[in-house]
Amino acid sequence: MRSKLGLTMISVIVVLLMPIHVWATEPFAKVGTYSLQFLKIGPSSRPSGMGSAFTALADDASATYWNPAGMVDVTNTAIMLEHTIWPADISLDYASVVFTMPFLPGTWGASARALSMDPQVERTIFLPGGTGREFDAGDMSFGLSYSQFFTDKFSAGATVHFVHSGLAEKSVNTYTVDFGLIYRIGFRGMRLGMMIQSLGGKVDYDSREAKIPTTFKVGLSMAAYRQGAHSLNGVGEFSHPSDNTETVNLGGEYSFNQFFYLRGGYNFGYDAKGAAAGFGLRIDTTQTSDLDFGYAWEDYGFLGDVHRLTLGFSY
């Protein structure tokens, strides 16, 4: 018992001390110098409604993005579809599936996402009103994920993404890798998660190389309250992106009878991103399958609001 409590306290102290680095170092922000920024937009209304603090808790089909090490907690085949209404008439669509195969060990996942917008009017210095032509722009990726338990408390996972980005006649292709760990502490449902996201090289637009925004995340989650049909999960996360200053995310999820969910959170250290909230419904369709619906709202300040709709099915 003492060893469990000691490990718990060490984990809590490490996670809580991480944000001190945010104010202590004040690193140079490399905003606008990295490409493929859509890789940092997280999917699913559930984590978004909790302030995007999901690295430690990731336990559903969205774990293919948030932390593939959490896919081992998905015991059934799980499918998730999401549509995000982004500022400036931009849309983000995400689909993922997590499953096991009887002839192979571990848990597998596949995912796809696409950032799209309406055709844009081509403008030049001499024809600012438009040339009469239009061009398309957008990004997409396809990922394959794998995770496995290495002990009864420790799991690891990885995702390999093929990434495509296009702007008018120009396009680039590349690969990125995500790697995550989750340790189940064994005290009040506490979980410690770590994630390195979007490891990759560079992309080349018109002979001008641009780096890919790699992000390191560490998070902690715990079952803050459980009594009868009521439960409350608390989550916290620290992120260190390679192209910006550090951020902190905090949130929580209330569940009533594993049927109705309320979520809330806050994103600290962002230029625009702030408060977040959402709700979810889970309906048992059979004894072994269920249907999930979720909605999340995020405040992006002067950019406006972001709305997310998620539909999930497991069997």
Protein backbone atom coordinates (compact mmCIF):
# COMPACT_ATOMS: atom_id res chain seq x y z
CA MET A 1 0.00 0.00 0.00
CA ARG A 2 2.83 2.37 0.84
CA SER A 3 4.52 1.72 -2.50
CA LYS A 4 1.25 2.49 -4.33
CA LEU A 5 0.75 5.73 -2.41
CA GLY A 6 4.38 6.70 -2.94
CA LEU A 7 4.18 6.13 -6.67
CA THR A 8 0.88 8.02 -6.77
CA MET A 9 2.35 11.04 -5.00
CA ILE A 10 5.41 11.06 -7.27
CA SER A 11 3.21 10.96 -10.37
CA VAL A 12 0.99 13.78 -9.10
CA ILE A 13 3.99 15.96 -8.20
CA VAL A 14 5.61 15.43 -11.61
CA VAL A 15 2.43 16.38 -13.47
CA LEU A 16 1.69 19.36 -11.23
CA LEU A 17 5.21 20.72 -11.52
CA MET A 18 5.18 20.61 -15.30
CA PRO A 19 3.15 23.85 -15.68
CA ILE A 20 5.76 25.76 -13.69
CA HIS A 21 7.96 25.45 -16.77
CA VAL A 22 5.38 27.48 -18.70
CA TRP A 23 6.07 30.66 -16.73
CA ALA A 24 9.64 29.93 -15.70
CA THR A 25 11.25 29.53 -19.12
CA GLU A 26 9.14 31.75 -21.44
CA PRO A 27 10.59 30.12 -24.61
CA PHE A 28 10.58 31.72 -28.04
CA ALA A 29 7.33 30.96 -29.87
CA LYS A 30 7.87 29.79 -33.46
CA VAL A 31 4.30 30.51 -34.54
CA GLY A 32 3.77 30.42 -38.30
CA THR A 33 7.06 28.70 -39.08
CA TYR A 34 5.77 25.10 -39.19
CA SER A 35 3.48 23.42 -41.71
CA LEU A 36 0.55 20.94 -41.47
CA GLN A 37 -1.09 22.68 -38.53
CA PHE A 38 -4.23 20.57 -38.94
CA LEU A 39 -2.33 17.71 -37.27
CA LYS A 40 -2.80 19.52 -33.95
CA ILE A 41 -6.62 19.66 -34.20
CA GLY A 42 -7.93 16.89 -31.96
CA PRO A 43 -11.11 15.01 -32.90
CA SER A 44 -14.16 13.85 -30.92
CA SER A 45 -16.60 15.86 -28.82
CA ARG A 46 -15.74 13.96 -25.63
CA PRO A 47 -12.09 15.07 -25.15
CA SER A 48 -12.80 18.49 -26.69
CA GLY A 49 -15.59 19.11 -24.18
CA MET A 50 -13.16 18.21 -21.39
CA GLY A 51 -10.68 20.90 -22.36
CA SER A 52 -8.72 18.58 -24.67
CA ALA A 53 -7.08 16.87 -21.68
CA PHE A 54 -7.35 13.26 -22.84
CA THR A 55 -3.84 11.81 -23.07
CA ALA A 56 -4.20 9.84 -19.84
CA LEU A 57 -7.89 8.92 -20.13
CA ALA A 58 -8.06 7.93 -23.83
CA ASP A 59 -10.23 4.80 -23.76
CA ASP A 60 -12.49 4.96 -26.82
CA ALA A 61 -12.19 5.01 -30.62
CA SER A 62 -10.65 8.51 -30.55
CA ALA A 63 -7.57 7.00 -28.85
CA THR A 64 -6.17 6.54 -32.36
CA TYR A 65 -5.43 10.28 -32.16
CA TRP A 66 -5.21 11.17 -28.45
CA ASN A 67 -3.11 8.24 -27.25
CA PRO A 68 -2.98 4.87 -29.06
CA ALA A 69 -1.83 3.21 -25.82
CA GLY A 70 -5.43 3.58 -24.60
CA MET A 71 -6.88 1.43 -27.37
CA VAL A 72 -6.30 -1.67 -25.21
CA ASP A 73 -9.19 -0.48 -23.02
CA VAL A 74 -11.61 -0.79 -25.96
CA THR A 75 -12.94 -4.32 -25.49
CA ASN A 76 -15.43 -4.31 -28.41
CA THR A 77 -15.10 -3.13 -31.97
CA ALA A 78 -15.66 0.64 -31.78
CA ILE A 79 -16.44 3.02 -34.65
CA MET A 80 -16.46 6.82 -34.42
CA LEU A 81 -17.50 9.52 -36.89
CA GLU A 82 -17.05 13.23 -36.20
CA HIS A 83 -17.77 16.52 -37.93
CA THR A 84 -16.26 19.79 -36.71
CA ILE A 85 -17.47 23.23 -37.76
CA TRP A 86 -14.28 25.30 -37.69
CA PRO A 87 -13.96 29.11 -38.02
CA ALA A 88 -13.73 30.71 -41.48
CA ASP A 89 -16.09 28.13 -43.02
CA ILE A 90 -13.55 25.34 -42.57
CA SER A 91 -14.67 21.80 -41.76
CA LEU A 92 -12.81 18.90 -40.18
CA ASP A 93 -14.09 15.34 -40.55
CA TYR A 94 -12.67 12.37 -38.69
CA ALA A 95 -13.41 8.64 -38.74
CA SER A 96 -11.79 5.86 -36.74
CA VAL A 97 -12.26 2.21 -35.88
CA VAL A 98 -10.63 0.18 -33.09
CA PHE A 99 -10.74 -3.61 -33.14
CA THR A 100 -8.99 -6.84 -32.19
CA MET A 101 -8.16 -9.80 -34.40
CA PRO A 102 -8.31 -13.37 -33.03
CA PHE A 103 -5.16 -14.46 -34.85
CA LEU A 104 -3.03 -11.43 -33.90
CA PRO A 105 -2.08 -10.04 -30.46
CA GLY A 106 -2.88 -6.54 -29.26
CA THR A 107 -5.47 -3.99 -30.37
CA TRP A 108 -5.56 -2.38 -33.83
CA GLY A 109 -6.97 0.85 -35.13
CA ALA A 110 -7.45 2.76 -38.37
CA SER A 111 -8.32 6.42 -38.83
CA ALA A 112 -8.82 9.07 -41.47
CA ARG A 113 -9.27 12.85 -41.26
CA ALA A 114 -9.81 15.63 -43.74
CA LEU A 115 -9.64 19.40 -43.40
CA SER A 116 -11.63 21.04 -46.19
CA MET A 117 -13.03 24.38 -47.29
CA ASP A 118 -15.07 25.78 -50.18
CA PRO A 119 -13.24 26.68 -53.41
CA GLN A 120 -11.42 30.01 -53.04
CA VAL A 121 -11.33 32.87 -55.54
CA GLU A 122 -7.93 33.35 -57.17
CA ARG A 123 -6.69 36.92 -56.68
CA THR A 124 -3.55 38.69 -57.83
CA ILE A 125 -1.94 42.08 -57.21
CA PHE A 126 -3.30 43.36 -60.49
CA LEU A 127 -6.70 41.67 -60.15
CA PRO A 128 -7.61 41.91 -56.45
CA GLY A 129 -11.27 41.36 -57.29
CA GLY A 130 -10.50 37.96 -58.76
CA THR A 131 -9.20 36.43 -61.96
CA GLY A 132 -12.36 34.47 -62.64
CA ARG A 133 -10.67 31.25 -61.54
CA GLU A 134 -10.93 29.29 -58.29
CA PHE A 135 -8.57 26.97 -56.44
CA ASP A 136 -8.91 24.25 -53.80
CA ALA A 137 -7.01 23.79 -50.57
CA GLY A 138 -7.13 21.08 -47.94
CA ASP A 139 -5.32 18.45 -45.88
CA MET A 140 -5.94 14.79 -45.14
CA SER A 141 -4.32 11.86 -43.39
CA PHE A 142 -4.75 8.12 -43.00
CA GLY A 143 -3.45 6.28 -39.95
CA LEU A 144 -2.82 2.72 -38.79
CA SER A 145 -2.55 2.16 -35.02
CA TYR A 146 -1.44 -0.65 -32.74
CA SER A 147 -1.35 -1.03 -28.95
CA GLN A 148 -0.61 -3.76 -26.44
CA PHE A 149 -0.45 -4.42 -22.70
CA PHE A 150 3.09 -5.14 -21.51
CA THR A 151 2.03 -5.61 -17.88
CA ASP A 152 -1.41 -5.52 -16.24
CA LYS A 153 -0.91 -1.76 -15.66
CA PHE A 154 1.31 -0.59 -18.49
CA SER A 155 0.40 -0.28 -22.16
CA ALA A 156 2.03 1.31 -25.18
CA GLY A 157 0.83 2.16 -28.65
CA ALA A 158 1.80 3.85 -31.88
CA THR A 159 0.16 5.29 -34.99
CA VAL A 160 1.72 5.75 -38.41
CA HIS A 161 0.07 8.44 -40.56
CA PHE A 162 0.24 9.09 -44.27
CA VAL A 163 -0.32 12.84 -44.67
CA HIS A 164 -1.33 14.75 -47.80
CA SER A 165 -1.60 18.53 -48.13
CA GLY A 166 -2.73 20.39 -51.23
CA LEU A 167 -2.92 24.04 -52.27
CA ALA A 168 -4.07 24.80 -55.83
CA GLU A 169 -1.72 22.86 -58.14
CA LYS A 170 0.82 22.22 -55.38
CA SER A 171 0.74 19.21 -53.05
CA VAL A 172 3.05 17.41 -50.61
CA ASN A 173 3.01 13.96 -49.06
CA THR A 174 4.78 12.76 -45.95
CA TYR A 175 4.59 10.34 -43.00
CA THR A 176 4.34 11.02 -39.28
CA VAL A 177 4.43 8.78 -36.21
CA ASP A 178 2.65 9.07 -32.85
CA PHE A 179 3.84 7.13 -29.80
CA GLY A 180 2.06 6.90 -26.46
CA LEU A 181 2.26 5.25 -23.03
CA ILE A 182 -0.31 4.79 -20.25
CA TYR A 183 0.43 3.61 -16.72
CA ARG A 184 -2.50 2.62 -14.50
CA ILE A 185 -1.40 3.60 -11.02
CA GLY A 186 -4.02 1.51 -9.20
CA PHE A 187 -5.22 4.19 -6.76
CA ARG A 188 -8.63 5.85 -7.29
CA GLY A 189 -8.51 4.92 -10.95
CA MET A 190 -5.52 7.17 -11.57
CA ARG A 191 -3.80 6.94 -14.95
CA LEU A 192 -0.60 8.61 -16.12
CA GLY A 193 -0.28 9.11 -19.86
CA MET A 194 2.51 10.38 -22.10
CA MET A 195 2.45 11.06 -25.80
CA ILE A 196 4.79 12.22 -28.57
CA GLN A 197 2.67 13.33 -31.50
CA SER A 198 3.51 13.96 -35.17
CA LEU A 199 7.13 12.90 -35.27
CA GLY A 200 8.34 13.41 -38.80
CA GLY A 201 10.69 15.19 -41.13
CA LYS A 202 9.97 18.18 -43.33
CA VAL A 203 7.71 19.02 -46.25
CA ASP A 204 8.79 20.98 -49.27
CA TYR A 205 6.64 23.71 -50.85
CA ASP A 206 8.34 25.34 -53.87
CA SER A 207 11.80 24.32 -52.64
CA ARG A 208 11.09 25.85 -49.23
CA GLU A 209 11.23 23.28 -46.47
CA ALA A 210 8.87 23.49 -43.51
CA LYS A 211 8.99 21.40 -40.35
CA ILE A 212 6.11 19.34 -38.95
CA PRO A 213 4.73 20.46 -35.54
CA THR A 214 5.74 17.76 -33.05
CA THR A 215 4.03 17.88 -29.64
CA PHE A 216 4.97 16.24 -26.33
CA LYS A 217 2.12 15.68 -23.87
CA VAL A 218 1.87 14.33 -20.35
CA GLY A 219 -1.42 13.94 -18.49
CA LEU A 220 -3.06 12.58 -15.38
CA SER A 221 -6.63 11.36 -14.88
CA MET A 222 -8.48 10.04 -11.86
CA ALA A 223 -11.90 8.90 -10.74
CA ALA A 224 -12.63 11.82 -8.42
CA TYR A 225 -16.04 10.51 -7.31
CA ARG A 226 -17.99 7.28 -7.67
CA GLN A 227 -21.21 6.61 -5.82
CA GLY A 228 -24.06 4.53 -7.17
CA ALA A 229 -25.15 5.83 -10.59
CA HIS A 230 -22.96 8.95 -10.28
CA SER A 231 -19.30 9.27 -11.24
CA LEU A 232 -16.89 12.09 -11.94
CA ASN A 233 -13.56 11.92 -13.76
CA GLY A 234 -10.97 14.66 -13.48
CA VAL A 235 -8.24 15.18 -16.08
CA GLY A 236 -5.21 17.43 -16.47
CA GLU A 237 -2.59 17.74 -19.17
CA PHE A 238 0.59 19.61 -20.05
CA SER A 239 1.64 20.08 -23.69
CA HIS A 240 4.91 21.23 -25.21
CA PRO A 241 4.57 21.93 -28.96
CA SER A 242 7.69 22.45 -31.04
CA ASP A 243 6.28 25.61 -32.65
CA ASN A 244 4.70 27.44 -29.72
CA THR A 245 4.80 27.98 -25.97
CA GLU A 246 3.60 25.36 -23.47
CA THR A 247 -0.08 24.94 -22.64
CA VAL A 248 -2.13 23.42 -19.83
CA ASN A 249 -5.51 21.71 -20.21
CA LEU A 250 -7.92 20.87 -17.38
CA GLY A 251 -11.33 19.24 -17.49
CA GLY A 252 -13.86 16.84 -16.07
CA GLU A 253 -16.66 14.47 -17.03
CA TYR A 254 -19.78 13.70 -14.99
CA SER A 255 -21.66 10.50 -15.76
CA PHE A 256 -25.14 9.46 -14.68
CA ASN A 257 -25.73 5.73 -14.92
CA GLN A 258 -23.32 5.54 -17.88
CA PHE A 259 -26.15 7.02 -19.97
CA PHE A 260 -25.92 10.81 -19.70
CA TYR A 261 -22.64 12.74 -19.63
CA LEU A 262 -21.77 16.36 -18.88
CA ARG A 263 -18.31 17.70 -19.68
CA GLY A 264 -16.39 20.89 -19.10
CA GLY A 265 -12.86 22.18 -19.25
CA TYR A 266 -10.49 25.04 -19.94
CA ASN A 267 -7.47 25.51 -22.18
CA PHE A 268 -4.72 27.65 -20.62
CA GLY A 269 -1.91 29.36 -22.50
CA TYR A 270 -3.55 29.53 -25.94
CA ASP A 271 -3.88 32.67 -28.05
CA ALA A 272 -7.60 32.15 -28.63
CA LYS A 273 -8.74 28.78 -27.29
CA GLY A 274 -10.40 28.99 -23.86
CA ALA A 275 -13.48 27.45 -22.26
CA ALA A 276 -15.05 24.20 -23.46
CA ALA A 277 -18.19 22.26 -22.62
CA GLY A 278 -20.27 19.41 -23.96
CA PHE A 279 -22.59 16.51 -23.30
CA GLY A 280 -23.07 12.93 -24.44
CA LEU A 281 -25.66 10.16 -24.56
CA ARG A 282 -25.05 6.43 -24.62
CA ILE A 283 -27.90 4.14 -25.65
CA ASP A 284 -27.70 0.36 -25.28
CA THR A 285 -28.95 -1.12 -28.54
CA THR A 286 -28.39 -4.76 -27.50
CA GLN A 287 -26.70 -6.51 -24.60
CA THR A 288 -23.34 -6.25 -26.37
CA SER A 289 -23.65 -3.07 -28.45
CA ASP A 290 -24.35 0.61 -27.84
CA LEU A 291 -24.76 3.88 -29.69
CA ASP A 292 -23.06 7.12 -28.61
CA PHE A 293 -23.89 10.71 -29.48
CA GLY A 294 -21.80 13.68 -28.37
CA TYR A 295 -21.66 17.44 -28.79
CA ALA A 296 -18.93 19.88 -27.75
CA TRP A 297 -18.54 23.65 -27.85
CA GLU A 298 -15.24 25.50 -27.64
CA ASP A 299 -14.63 29.23 -27.28
CA TYR A 300 -11.99 30.51 -29.70
CA GLY A 301 -12.28 34.15 -28.73
CA PHE A 302 -12.13 36.55 -31.66
CA LEU A 303 -12.17 33.61 -34.10
CA GLY A 304 -15.63 32.53 -32.94
CA ASP A 305 -17.06 29.28 -31.61
CA VAL A 306 -16.19 25.74 -32.65
CA HIS A 307 -18.90 23.06 -32.67
CA ARG A 308 -18.33 19.32 -32.80
CA LEU A 309 -20.78 16.49 -33.43
CA THR A 310 -19.75 12.89 -32.81
CA LEU A 311 -21.51 9.59 -33.49
CA GLY A 312 -20.11 6.32 -32.18
CA PHE A 313 -21.10 2.67 -32.31
CA SER A 314 -19.56 -0.33 -30.57
CA TYR A 315 -20.42 -3.99 -30.81
